[in-house]
Amino acid sequence: IPDHAPRRDDLRVAAVEALRRALRQVDLLARFDRDTLIVMLADTEERGAIATLERLRHAVVEALHGGGVRPRTTAGVVQYRAGRHPGADEVVAEAEAALYAALSEGGDCTTTAP
């Protein structure tokens, strides 16, 4: 990595900071794995979540673009439904399926589970 290139960890921190600024206090931002974050939006239906995640993706791109980086941000959306998701594992599995569906379409987008 060239000396002037931002470090990957620095980019992660900048992305998280951009997300924290863009989220409401009632929302939750958590780390899922090294490169994946979970955003839980309180009292938000699927259509609203998609719009919010598009806004968040653009906030991250804008925050990192100043450093000469054009990040690819991809989001998978699932709306919790008690009858369909008896536990957190089912919600996470469906969100992962949505994320992988978005990535299989080339990423840099937001989509729901197939």
PDB file of N, CA and C in Angstrom:
ATOM      1  N   ILE A   1       0.859  -1.188   0.000  1.00  0.00           N
ATOM      2  CA  ILE A   1       0.000   0.000   0.000  1.00  0.00           C
ATOM      3  C   ILE A   1       0.890   1.231   0.000  1.00  0.00           C
ATOM      4  N   PRO A   2       0.671   2.152  -0.910  1.00  0.00           N
ATOM      5  CA  PRO A   2       1.464   3.379  -0.925  1.00  0.00           C
ATOM      6  C   PRO A   2       1.267   4.169   0.369  1.00  0.00           C
ATOM      7  N   ASP A   3       2.304   4.945   0.749  1.00  0.00           N
ATOM      8  CA  ASP A   3       2.245   5.721   1.985  1.00  0.00           C
ATOM      9  C   ASP A   3       1.052   6.672   2.026  1.00  0.00           C
ATOM     10  N   HIS A   4       0.641   7.213   0.894  1.00  0.00           N
ATOM     11  CA  HIS A   4      -0.449   8.178   0.870  1.00  0.00           C
ATOM     12  C   HIS A   4      -1.835   7.525   0.863  1.00  0.00           C
ATOM     13  N   ALA A   5      -1.880   6.217   0.644  1.00  0.00           N
ATOM     14  CA  ALA A   5      -3.171   5.515   0.588  1.00  0.00           C
ATOM     15  C   ALA A   5      -3.706   5.313   2.007  1.00  0.00           C
ATOM     16  N   PRO A   6      -5.001   5.545   2.192  1.00  0.00           N
ATOM     17  CA  PRO A   6      -5.580   5.332   3.524  1.00  0.00           C
ATOM     18  C   PRO A   6      -5.520   3.857   3.899  1.00  0.00           C
ATOM     19  N   ARG A   7      -5.257   3.582   5.161  1.00  0.00           N
ATOM     20  CA  ARG A   7      -5.245   2.207   5.640  1.00  0.00           C
ATOM     21  C   ARG A   7      -6.674   1.695   5.730  1.00  0.00           C
ATOM     22  N   ARG A   8      -6.838   0.407   5.524  1.00  0.00           N
ATOM     23  CA  ARG A   8      -8.165  -0.215   5.549  1.00  0.00           C
ATOM     24  C   ARG A   8      -8.870   0.018   6.885  1.00  0.00           C
ATOM     25  N   ASP A   9      -8.131  -0.082   8.002  1.00  0.00           N
ATOM     26  CA  ASP A   9      -8.735   0.153   9.309  1.00  0.00           C
ATOM     27  C   ASP A   9      -9.190   1.596   9.450  1.00  0.00           C
ATOM     28  N   ASP A  10      -8.430   2.540   8.895  1.00  0.00           N
ATOM     29  CA  ASP A  10      -8.833   3.950   8.933  1.00  0.00           C
ATOM     30  C   ASP A  10     -10.127   4.159   8.158  1.00  0.00           C
ATOM     31  N   LEU A  11     -10.271   3.455   7.052  1.00  0.00           N
ATOM     32  CA  LEU A  11     -11.497   3.552   6.254  1.00  0.00           C
ATOM     33  C   LEU A  11     -12.691   2.999   7.023  1.00  0.00           C
ATOM     34  N   ARG A  12     -12.475   1.886   7.721  1.00  0.00           N
ATOM     35  CA  ARG A  12     -13.555   1.312   8.528  1.00  0.00           C
ATOM     36  C   ARG A  12     -14.013   2.304   9.602  1.00  0.00           C
ATOM     37  N   VAL A  13     -13.056   2.919  10.274  1.00  0.00           N
ATOM     38  CA  VAL A  13     -13.386   3.882  11.327  1.00  0.00           C
ATOM     39  C   VAL A  13     -14.161   5.060  10.735  1.00  0.00           C
ATOM     40  N   ALA A  14     -13.714   5.563   9.606  1.00  0.00           N
ATOM     41  CA  ALA A  14     -14.409   6.687   8.962  1.00  0.00           C
ATOM     42  C   ALA A  14     -15.819   6.288   8.542  1.00  0.00           C
ATOM     43  N   ALA A  15     -15.982   5.076   8.058  1.00  0.00           N
ATOM     44  CA  ALA A  15     -17.308   4.600   7.656  1.00  0.00           C
ATOM     45  C   ALA A  15     -18.231   4.501   8.865  1.00  0.00           C
ATOM     46  N   VAL A  16     -17.739   3.944   9.952  1.00  0.00           N
ATOM     47  CA  VAL A  16     -18.546   3.814  11.167  1.00  0.00           C
ATOM     48  C   VAL A  16     -18.928   5.197  11.697  1.00  0.00           C
ATOM     49  N   GLU A  17     -17.998   6.125  11.681  1.00  0.00           N
ATOM     50  CA  GLU A  17     -18.299   7.483  12.147  1.00  0.00           C
ATOM     51  C   GLU A  17     -19.371   8.136  11.277  1.00  0.00           C
ATOM     52  N   ALA A  18     -19.297   7.941   9.976  1.00  0.00           N
ATOM     53  CA  ALA A  18     -20.309   8.501   9.073  1.00  0.00           C
ATOM     54  C   ALA A  18     -21.676   7.888   9.362  1.00  0.00           C
ATOM     55  N   LEU A  19     -21.715   6.590   9.608  1.00  0.00           N
ATOM     56  CA  LEU A  19     -22.978   5.924   9.919  1.00  0.00           C
ATOM     57  C   LEU A  19     -23.546   6.410  11.244  1.00  0.00           C
ATOM     58  N   ARG A  20     -22.698   6.537  12.234  1.00  0.00           N
ATOM     59  CA  ARG A  20     -23.181   7.011  13.547  1.00  0.00           C
ATOM     60  C   ARG A  20     -23.792   8.400  13.442  1.00  0.00           C
ATOM     61  N   ARG A  21     -23.170   9.262  12.657  1.00  0.00           N
ATOM     62  CA  ARG A  21     -23.708  10.615  12.488  1.00  0.00           C
ATOM     63  C   ARG A  21     -25.052  10.595  11.764  1.00  0.00           C
ATOM     64  N   ALA A  22     -25.252   9.636  10.867  1.00  0.00           N
ATOM     65  CA  ALA A  22     -26.456   9.594  10.040  1.00  0.00           C
ATOM     66  C   ALA A  22     -27.619   8.852  10.694  1.00  0.00           C
ATOM     67  N   LEU A  23     -27.341   8.050  11.702  1.00  0.00           N
ATOM     68  CA  LEU A  23     -28.391   7.265  12.353  1.00  0.00           C
ATOM     69  C   LEU A  23     -29.075   8.042  13.469  1.00  0.00           C
ATOM     70  N   ARG A  24     -30.290   7.632  13.765  1.00  0.00           N
ATOM     71  CA  ARG A  24     -31.020   8.198  14.896  1.00  0.00           C
ATOM     72  C   ARG A  24     -30.511   7.554  16.187  1.00  0.00           C
ATOM     73  N   GLN A  25     -30.778   8.171  17.322  1.00  0.00           N
ATOM     74  CA  GLN A  25     -30.343   7.617  18.608  1.00  0.00           C
ATOM     75  C   GLN A  25     -31.009   6.282  18.915  1.00  0.00           C
ATOM     76  N   VAL A  26     -32.197   6.034  18.387  1.00  0.00           N
ATOM     77  CA  VAL A  26     -32.911   4.786  18.671  1.00  0.00           C
ATOM     78  C   VAL A  26     -32.442   3.623  17.805  1.00  0.00           C
ATOM     79  N   ASP A  27     -31.603   3.894  16.801  1.00  0.00           N
ATOM     80  CA  ASP A  27     -31.104   2.845  15.912  1.00  0.00           C
ATOM     81  C   ASP A  27     -29.848   2.222  16.503  1.00  0.00           C
ATOM     82  N   LEU A  28     -29.508   1.042  16.029  1.00  0.00           N
ATOM     83  CA  LEU A  28     -28.350   0.318  16.538  1.00  0.00           C
ATOM     84  C   LEU A  28     -27.384   0.022  15.403  1.00  0.00           C
ATOM     85  N   LEU A  29     -26.124   0.288  15.639  1.00  0.00           N
ATOM     86  CA  LEU A  29     -25.057  -0.039  14.702  1.00  0.00           C
ATOM     87  C   LEU A  29     -24.136  -1.019  15.410  1.00  0.00           C
ATOM     88  N   ALA A  30     -23.915  -2.189  14.810  1.00  0.00           N
ATOM     89  CA  ALA A  30     -23.068  -3.213  15.423  1.00  0.00           C
ATOM     90  C   ALA A  30     -22.161  -3.826  14.367  1.00  0.00           C
ATOM     91  N   ARG A  31     -21.035  -4.302  14.804  1.00  0.00           N
ATOM     92  CA  ARG A  31     -20.103  -4.978  13.904  1.00  0.00           C
ATOM     93  C   ARG A  31     -20.471  -6.457  13.851  1.00  0.00           C
ATOM     94  N   PHE A  32     -20.603  -6.977  12.629  1.00  0.00           N
ATOM     95  CA  PHE A  32     -20.955  -8.383  12.438  1.00  0.00           C
ATOM     96  C   PHE A  32     -19.696  -9.208  12.203  1.00  0.00           C
ATOM     97  N   ASP A  33     -18.854  -8.741  11.324  1.00  0.00           N
ATOM     98  CA  ASP A  33     -17.535  -9.327  11.116  1.00  0.00           C
ATOM     99  C   ASP A  33     -16.610  -8.219  10.638  1.00  0.00           C
ATOM    100  N   ARG A  34     -15.442  -8.565  10.184  1.00  0.00           N
ATOM    101  CA  ARG A  34     -14.426  -7.550   9.858  1.00  0.00           C
ATOM    102  C   ARG A  34     -14.928  -6.468   8.902  1.00  0.00           C
ATOM    103  N   ASP A  35     -15.657  -6.853   7.880  1.00  0.00           N
ATOM    104  CA  ASP A  35     -16.092  -5.895   6.868  1.00  0.00           C
ATOM    105  C   ASP A  35     -17.607  -5.721   6.791  1.00  0.00           C
ATOM    106  N   THR A  36     -18.333  -6.274   7.755  1.00  0.00           N
ATOM    107  CA  THR A  36     -19.785  -6.224   7.697  1.00  0.00           C
ATOM    108  C   THR A  36     -20.348  -5.622   8.976  1.00  0.00           C
ATOM    109  N   LEU A  37     -21.252  -4.678   8.798  1.00  0.00           N
ATOM    110  CA  LEU A  37     -21.935  -4.047   9.918  1.00  0.00           C
ATOM    111  C   LEU A  37     -23.416  -4.390   9.860  1.00  0.00           C
ATOM    112  N   ILE A  38     -24.047  -4.412  11.012  1.00  0.00           N
ATOM    113  CA  ILE A  38     -25.487  -4.583  11.097  1.00  0.00           C
ATOM    114  C   ILE A  38     -26.076  -3.265  11.572  1.00  0.00           C
ATOM    115  N   VAL A  39     -27.110  -2.819  10.890  1.00  0.00           N
ATOM    116  CA  VAL A  39     -27.837  -1.627  11.300  1.00  0.00           C
ATOM    117  C   VAL A  39     -29.266  -2.060  11.599  1.00  0.00           C
ATOM    118  N   MET A  40     -29.695  -1.818  12.822  1.00  0.00           N
ATOM    119  CA  MET A  40     -31.080  -2.134  13.193  1.00  0.00           C
ATOM    120  C   MET A  40     -31.816  -0.813  13.334  1.00  0.00           C
ATOM    121  N   LEU A  41     -32.850  -0.653  12.522  1.00  0.00           N
ATOM    122  CA  LEU A  41     -33.631   0.579  12.503  1.00  0.00           C
ATOM    123  C   LEU A  41     -34.926   0.359  13.281  1.00  0.00           C
ATOM    124  N   ALA A  42     -35.119   1.144  14.318  1.00  0.00           N
ATOM    125  CA  ALA A  42     -36.317   1.011  15.152  1.00  0.00           C
ATOM    126  C   ALA A  42     -37.543   1.535  14.414  1.00  0.00           C
ATOM    127  N   ASP A  43     -38.648   0.838  14.569  1.00  0.00           N
ATOM    128  CA  ASP A  43     -39.940   1.288  14.027  1.00  0.00           C
ATOM    129  C   ASP A  43     -39.850   1.712  12.564  1.00  0.00           C
ATOM    130  N   THR A  44     -39.248   0.864  11.749  1.00  0.00           N
ATOM    131  CA  THR A  44     -39.058   1.186  10.332  1.00  0.00           C
ATOM    132  C   THR A  44     -39.511   0.002   9.493  1.00  0.00           C
ATOM    133  N   GLU A  45     -40.418   0.244   8.565  1.00  0.00           N
ATOM    134  CA  GLU A  45     -40.852  -0.813   7.665  1.00  0.00           C
ATOM    135  C   GLU A  45     -39.833  -0.976   6.543  1.00  0.00           C
ATOM    136  N   GLU A  46     -39.971  -2.066   5.791  1.00  0.00           N
ATOM    137  CA  GLU A  46     -38.981  -2.424   4.778  1.00  0.00           C
ATOM    138  C   GLU A  46     -38.711  -1.302   3.776  1.00  0.00           C
ATOM    139  N   ARG A  47     -39.742  -0.681   3.272  1.00  0.00           N
ATOM    140  CA  ARG A  47     -39.557   0.387   2.278  1.00  0.00           C
ATOM    141  C   ARG A  47     -38.759   1.553   2.870  1.00  0.00           C
ATOM    142  N   GLY A  48     -39.077   1.919   4.106  1.00  0.00           N
ATOM    143  CA  GLY A  48     -38.343   2.985   4.785  1.00  0.00           C
ATOM    144  C   GLY A  48     -36.907   2.583   5.074  1.00  0.00           C
ATOM    145  N   ALA A  49     -36.712   1.307   5.408  1.00  0.00           N
ATOM    146  CA  ALA A  49     -35.359   0.815   5.674  1.00  0.00           C
ATOM    147  C   ALA A  49     -34.495   0.878   4.415  1.00  0.00           C
ATOM    148  N   ILE A  50     -35.082   0.525   3.285  1.00  0.00           N
ATOM    149  CA  ILE A  50     -34.335   0.593   2.019  1.00  0.00           C
ATOM    150  C   ILE A  50     -33.908   2.031   1.746  1.00  0.00           C
ATOM    151  N   ALA A  51     -34.830   2.966   1.906  1.00  0.00           N
ATOM    152  CA  ALA A  51     -34.499   4.385   1.679  1.00  0.00           C
ATOM    153  C   ALA A  51     -33.425   4.855   2.654  1.00  0.00           C
ATOM    154  N   THR A  52     -33.543   4.448   3.908  1.00  0.00           N
ATOM    155  CA  THR A  52     -32.546   4.841   4.912  1.00  0.00           C
ATOM    156  C   THR A  52     -31.190   4.247   4.586  1.00  0.00           C
ATOM    157  N   LEU A  53     -31.158   2.980   4.203  1.00  0.00           N
ATOM    158  CA  LEU A  53     -29.876   2.349   3.890  1.00  0.00           C
ATOM    159  C   LEU A  53     -29.236   2.949   2.640  1.00  0.00           C
ATOM    160  N   GLU A  54     -30.039   3.347   1.693  1.00  0.00           N
ATOM    161  CA  GLU A  54     -29.470   4.048   0.532  1.00  0.00           C
ATOM    162  C   GLU A  54     -28.830   5.361   0.979  1.00  0.00           C
ATOM    163  N   ARG A  55     -29.505   6.082   1.872  1.00  0.00           N
ATOM    164  CA  ARG A  55     -28.952   7.332   2.399  1.00  0.00           C
ATOM    165  C   ARG A  55     -27.659   7.054   3.173  1.00  0.00           C
ATOM    166  N   LEU A  56     -27.636   5.988   3.961  1.00  0.00           N
ATOM    167  CA  LEU A  56     -26.449   5.632   4.731  1.00  0.00           C
ATOM    168  C   LEU A  56     -25.292   5.227   3.820  1.00  0.00           C
ATOM    169  N   ARG A  57     -25.607   4.451   2.783  1.00  0.00           N
ATOM    170  CA  ARG A  57     -24.555   4.047   1.840  1.00  0.00           C
ATOM    171  C   ARG A  57     -23.912   5.277   1.210  1.00  0.00           C
ATOM    172  N   HIS A  58     -24.744   6.237   0.816  1.00  0.00           N
ATOM    173  CA  HIS A  58     -24.219   7.457   0.199  1.00  0.00           C
ATOM    174  C   HIS A  58     -23.433   8.299   1.202  1.00  0.00           C
ATOM    175  N   ALA A  59     -23.839   8.291   2.475  1.00  0.00           N
ATOM    176  CA  ALA A  59     -23.096   9.019   3.509  1.00  0.00           C
ATOM    177  C   ALA A  59     -21.707   8.429   3.688  1.00  0.00           C
ATOM    178  N   VAL A  60     -21.599   7.109   3.637  1.00  0.00           N
ATOM    179  CA  VAL A  60     -20.288   6.462   3.758  1.00  0.00           C
ATOM    180  C   VAL A  60     -19.420   6.800   2.551  1.00  0.00           C
ATOM    181  N   VAL A  61     -19.994   6.705   1.367  1.00  0.00           N
ATOM    182  CA  VAL A  61     -19.239   7.025   0.148  1.00  0.00           C
ATOM    183  C   VAL A  61     -18.741   8.465   0.203  1.00  0.00           C
ATOM    184  N   GLU A  62     -19.612   9.368   0.607  1.00  0.00           N
ATOM    185  CA  GLU A  62     -19.225  10.784   0.684  1.00  0.00           C
ATOM    186  C   GLU A  62     -18.131  10.996   1.726  1.00  0.00           C
ATOM    187  N   ALA A  63     -18.226  10.328   2.862  1.00  0.00           N
ATOM    188  CA  ALA A  63     -17.235  10.479   3.925  1.00  0.00           C
ATOM    189  C   ALA A  63     -15.866   9.959   3.497  1.00  0.00           C
ATOM    190  N   LEU A  64     -15.850   8.895   2.720  1.00  0.00           N
ATOM    191  CA  LEU A  64     -14.574   8.285   2.327  1.00  0.00           C
ATOM    192  C   LEU A  64     -14.026   8.833   1.015  1.00  0.00           C
ATOM    193  N   HIS A  65     -14.894   9.412   0.201  1.00  0.00           N
ATOM    194  CA  HIS A  65     -14.473   9.886  -1.115  1.00  0.00           C
ATOM    195  C   HIS A  65     -13.436  11.006  -1.014  1.00  0.00           C
ATOM    196  N   GLY A  66     -13.525  11.806   0.045  1.00  0.00           N
ATOM    197  CA  GLY A  66     -12.565  12.886   0.228  1.00  0.00           C
ATOM    198  C   GLY A  66     -11.135  12.384   0.356  1.00  0.00           C
ATOM    199  N   GLY A  67     -10.973  11.149   0.820  1.00  0.00           N
ATOM    200  CA  GLY A  67      -9.647  10.556   0.950  1.00  0.00           C
ATOM    201  C   GLY A  67      -9.182   9.885  -0.324  1.00  0.00           C
ATOM    202  N   GLY A  68      -9.882  10.144  -1.432  1.00  0.00           N
ATOM    203  CA  GLY A  68      -9.479   9.564  -2.703  1.00  0.00           C
ATOM    204  C   GLY A  68      -9.924   8.126  -2.881  1.00  0.00           C
ATOM    205  N   VAL A  69     -10.827   7.669  -2.040  1.00  0.00           N
ATOM    206  CA  VAL A  69     -11.298   6.290  -2.096  1.00  0.00           C
ATOM    207  C   VAL A  69     -12.738   6.278  -2.590  1.00  0.00           C
ATOM    208  N   ARG A  70     -13.055   5.356  -3.479  1.00  0.00           N
ATOM    209  CA  ARG A  70     -14.435   5.169  -3.942  1.00  0.00           C
ATOM    210  C   ARG A  70     -14.894   3.812  -3.434  1.00  0.00           C
ATOM    211  N   PRO A  71     -15.440   3.801  -2.202  1.00  0.00           N
ATOM    212  CA  PRO A  71     -15.847   2.509  -1.640  1.00  0.00           C
ATOM    213  C   PRO A  71     -17.089   1.956  -2.329  1.00  0.00           C
ATOM    214  N   ARG A  72     -17.186   0.648  -2.320  1.00  0.00           N
ATOM    215  CA  ARG A  72     -18.393  -0.019  -2.797  1.00  0.00           C
ATOM    216  C   ARG A  72     -19.153  -0.439  -1.551  1.00  0.00           C
ATOM    217  N   THR A  73     -20.338   0.090  -1.397  1.00  0.00           N
ATOM    218  CA  THR A  73     -21.143  -0.232  -0.229  1.00  0.00           C
ATOM    219  C   THR A  73     -22.362  -1.018  -0.685  1.00  0.00           C
ATOM    220  N   THR A  74     -22.646  -2.093   0.016  1.00  0.00           N
ATOM    221  CA  THR A  74     -23.741  -2.977  -0.352  1.00  0.00           C
ATOM    222  C   THR A  74     -24.551  -3.283   0.895  1.00  0.00           C
ATOM    223  N   ALA A  75     -25.869  -3.303   0.763  1.00  0.00           N
ATOM    224  CA  ALA A  75     -26.725  -3.547   1.922  1.00  0.00           C
ATOM    225  C   ALA A  75     -27.808  -4.563   1.600  1.00  0.00           C
ATOM    226  N   GLY A  76     -28.085  -5.413   2.574  1.00  0.00           N
ATOM    227  CA  GLY A  76     -29.202  -6.344   2.511  1.00  0.00           C
ATOM    228  C   GLY A  76     -30.215  -5.956   3.567  1.00  0.00           C
ATOM    229  N   VAL A  77     -31.479  -5.979   3.228  1.00  0.00           N
ATOM    230  CA  VAL A  77     -32.538  -5.512   4.126  1.00  0.00           C
ATOM    231  C   VAL A  77     -33.491  -6.655   4.462  1.00  0.00           C
ATOM    232  N   VAL A  78     -33.877  -6.726   5.718  1.00  0.00           N
ATOM    233  CA  VAL A  78     -34.931  -7.643   6.153  1.00  0.00           C
ATOM    234  C   VAL A  78     -35.752  -6.920   7.209  1.00  0.00           C
ATOM    235  N   GLN A  79     -37.053  -7.099   7.135  1.00  0.00           N
ATOM    236  CA  GLN A  79     -37.932  -6.550   8.160  1.00  0.00           C
ATOM    237  C   GLN A  79     -38.314  -7.674   9.102  1.00  0.00           C
ATOM    238  N   TYR A  80     -38.110  -7.466  10.397  1.00  0.00           N
ATOM    239  CA  TYR A  80     -38.472  -8.469  11.402  1.00  0.00           C
ATOM    240  C   TYR A  80     -39.978  -8.678  11.417  1.00  0.00           C
ATOM    241  N   ARG A  81     -40.359  -9.948  11.372  1.00  0.00           N
ATOM    242  CA  ARG A  81     -41.765 -10.330  11.495  1.00  0.00           C
ATOM    243  C   ARG A  81     -41.830 -11.501  12.475  1.00  0.00           C
ATOM    244  N   ALA A  82     -42.571 -11.323  13.549  1.00  0.00           N
ATOM    245  CA  ALA A  82     -42.615 -12.324  14.624  1.00  0.00           C
ATOM    246  C   ALA A  82     -42.990 -13.717  14.108  1.00  0.00           C
ATOM    247  N   GLY A  83     -43.958 -13.826  13.234  1.00  0.00           N
ATOM    248  CA  GLY A  83     -44.379 -15.127  12.723  1.00  0.00           C
ATOM    249  C   GLY A  83     -43.352 -15.788  11.814  1.00  0.00           C
ATOM    250  N   ARG A  84     -42.523 -14.989  11.199  1.00  0.00           N
ATOM    251  CA  ARG A  84     -41.540 -15.503  10.248  1.00  0.00           C
ATOM    252  C   ARG A  84     -40.157 -15.682  10.874  1.00  0.00           C
ATOM    253  N   HIS A  85     -39.869 -14.899  11.892  1.00  0.00           N
ATOM    254  CA  HIS A  85     -38.543 -14.906  12.527  1.00  0.00           C
ATOM    255  C   HIS A  85     -38.680 -15.199  14.024  1.00  0.00           C
ATOM    256  N   PRO A  86     -38.680 -16.478  14.406  1.00  0.00           N
ATOM    257  CA  PRO A  86     -38.839 -16.802  15.821  1.00  0.00           C
ATOM    258  C   PRO A  86     -37.661 -16.331  16.682  1.00  0.00           C
ATOM    259  N   GLY A  87     -36.525 -16.103  16.069  1.00  0.00           N
ATOM    260  CA  GLY A  87     -35.357 -15.657  16.825  1.00  0.00           C
ATOM    261  C   GLY A  87     -34.433 -14.805  15.984  1.00  0.00           C
ATOM    262  N   ALA A  88     -33.408 -14.290  16.638  1.00  0.00           N
ATOM    263  CA  ALA A  88     -32.447 -13.419  15.964  1.00  0.00           C
ATOM    264  C   ALA A  88     -31.697 -14.146  14.849  1.00  0.00           C
ATOM    265  N   ASP A  89     -31.440 -15.432  15.030  1.00  0.00           N
ATOM    266  CA  ASP A  89     -30.698 -16.191  14.011  1.00  0.00           C
ATOM    267  C   ASP A  89     -31.405 -16.166  12.659  1.00  0.00           C
ATOM    268  N   GLU A  90     -32.720 -16.267  12.667  1.00  0.00           N
ATOM    269  CA  GLU A  90     -33.479 -16.257  11.412  1.00  0.00           C
ATOM    270  C   GLU A  90     -33.436 -14.888  10.740  1.00  0.00           C
ATOM    271  N   VAL A  91     -33.476 -13.847  11.537  1.00  0.00           N
ATOM    272  CA  VAL A  91     -33.398 -12.488  10.987  1.00  0.00           C
ATOM    273  C   VAL A  91     -32.021 -12.274  10.355  1.00  0.00           C
ATOM    274  N   VAL A  92     -30.978 -12.659  11.068  1.00  0.00           N
ATOM    275  CA  VAL A  92     -29.615 -12.487  10.554  1.00  0.00           C
ATOM    276  C   VAL A  92     -29.417 -13.319   9.291  1.00  0.00           C
ATOM    277  N   ALA A  93     -29.913 -14.554   9.283  1.00  0.00           N
ATOM    278  CA  ALA A  93     -29.767 -15.416   8.098  1.00  0.00           C
ATOM    279  C   ALA A  93     -30.451 -14.793   6.889  1.00  0.00           C
ATOM    280  N   GLU A  94     -31.637 -14.225   7.090  1.00  0.00           N
ATOM    281  CA  GLU A  94     -32.339 -13.596   5.971  1.00  0.00           C
ATOM    282  C   GLU A  94     -31.622 -12.323   5.516  1.00  0.00           C
ATOM    283  N   ALA A  95     -31.080 -11.565   6.463  1.00  0.00           N
ATOM    284  CA  ALA A  95     -30.321 -10.360   6.104  1.00  0.00           C
ATOM    285  C   ALA A  95     -29.068 -10.738   5.320  1.00  0.00           C
ATOM    286  N   GLU A  96     -28.406 -11.819   5.724  1.00  0.00           N
ATOM    287  CA  GLU A  96     -27.234 -12.297   4.985  1.00  0.00           C
ATOM    288  C   GLU A  96     -27.619 -12.718   3.573  1.00  0.00           C
ATOM    289  N   ALA A  97     -28.751 -13.396   3.431  1.00  0.00           N
ATOM    290  CA  ALA A  97     -29.216 -13.807   2.107  1.00  0.00           C
ATOM    291  C   ALA A  97     -29.453 -12.584   1.226  1.00  0.00           C
ATOM    292  N   ALA A  98     -30.026 -11.532   1.809  1.00  0.00           N
ATOM    293  CA  ALA A  98     -30.252 -10.298   1.052  1.00  0.00           C
ATOM    294  C   ALA A  98     -28.919  -9.660   0.662  1.00  0.00           C
ATOM    295  N   LEU A  99     -27.979  -9.650   1.583  1.00  0.00           N
ATOM    296  CA  LEU A  99     -26.653  -9.082   1.285  1.00  0.00           C
ATOM    297  C   LEU A  99     -25.972  -9.860   0.166  1.00  0.00           C
ATOM    298  N   TYR A 100     -25.997 -11.178   0.250  1.00  0.00           N
ATOM    299  CA  TYR A 100     -25.363 -11.990  -0.796  1.00  0.00           C
ATOM    300  C   TYR A 100     -26.075 -11.834  -2.138  1.00  0.00           C
ATOM    301  N   ALA A 101     -27.387 -11.658  -2.102  1.00  0.00           N
ATOM    302  CA  ALA A 101     -28.120 -11.410  -3.351  1.00  0.00           C
ATOM    303  C   ALA A 101     -27.654 -10.096  -3.971  1.00  0.00           C
ATOM    304  N   ALA A 102     -27.479  -9.076  -3.142  1.00  0.00           N
ATOM    305  CA  ALA A 102     -26.998  -7.780  -3.643  1.00  0.00           C
ATOM    306  C   ALA A 102     -25.587  -7.914  -4.199  1.00  0.00           C
ATOM    307  N   LEU A 103     -24.732  -8.652  -3.506  1.00  0.00           N
ATOM    308  CA  LEU A 103     -23.362  -8.838  -3.978  1.00  0.00           C
ATOM    309  C   LEU A 103     -23.328  -9.620  -5.287  1.00  0.00           C
ATOM    310  N   SER A 104     -24.227 -10.605  -5.426  1.00  0.00           N
ATOM    311  CA  SER A 104     -24.249 -11.395  -6.662  1.00  0.00           C
ATOM    312  C   SER A 104     -24.712 -10.559  -7.855  1.00  0.00           C
ATOM    313  N   GLU A 105     -25.415  -9.451  -7.578  1.00  0.00           N
ATOM    314  CA  GLU A 105     -25.851  -8.540  -8.643  1.00  0.00           C
ATOM    315  C   GLU A 105     -24.803  -7.469  -8.930  1.00  0.00           C
ATOM    316  N   GLY A 106     -23.631  -7.608  -8.332  1.00  0.00           N
ATOM    317  CA  GLY A 106     -22.549  -6.666  -8.572  1.00  0.00           C
ATOM    318  C   GLY A 106     -22.278  -5.733  -7.418  1.00  0.00           C
ATOM    319  N   GLY A 107     -23.093  -5.795  -6.381  1.00  0.00           N
ATOM    320  CA  GLY A 107     -22.873  -4.956  -5.205  1.00  0.00           C
ATOM    321  C   GLY A 107     -23.167  -3.499  -5.467  1.00  0.00           C
ATOM    322  N   ASP A 108     -22.740  -2.681  -4.519  1.00  0.00           N
ATOM    323  CA  ASP A 108     -22.938  -1.232  -4.593  1.00  0.00           C
ATOM    324  C   ASP A 108     -24.420  -0.880  -4.732  1.00  0.00           C
ATOM    325  N   CYS A 109     -25.253  -1.617  -3.966  1.00  0.00           N
ATOM    326  CA  CYS A 109     -26.708  -1.409  -4.010  1.00  0.00           C
ATOM    327  C   CYS A 109     -27.329  -1.893  -2.717  1.00  0.00           C
ATOM    328  N   THR A 110     -28.625  -1.729  -2.594  1.00  0.00           N
ATOM    329  CA  THR A 110     -29.393  -2.212  -1.451  1.00  0.00           C
ATOM    330  C   THR A 110     -30.481  -3.117  -2.005  1.00  0.00           C
ATOM    331  N   THR A 111     -30.671  -4.279  -1.378  1.00  0.00           N
ATOM    332  CA  THR A 111     -31.708  -5.194  -1.832  1.00  0.00           C
ATOM    333  C   THR A 111     -32.307  -5.961  -0.657  1.00  0.00           C
ATOM    334  N   THR A 112     -33.437  -6.591  -0.906  1.00  0.00           N
ATOM    335  CA  THR A 112     -34.090  -7.421   0.093  1.00  0.00           C
ATOM    336  C   THR A 112     -33.793  -8.882  -0.207  1.00  0.00           C
ATOM    337  N   ALA A 113     -34.135  -9.735   0.732  1.00  0.00           N
ATOM    338  CA  ALA A 113     -33.885 -11.174   0.546  1.00  0.00           C
ATOM    339  C   ALA A 113     -34.707 -11.710  -0.612  1.00  0.00           C
ATOM    340  N   PRO A 114     -34.139 -12.669  -1.348  1.00  0.00           N
ATOM    341  CA  PRO A 114     -34.866 -13.277  -2.472  1.00  0.00           C
ATOM    342  C   PRO A 114     -36.038 -14.125  -1.989  1.00  0.00           C
TER     343      PRO A 114
END
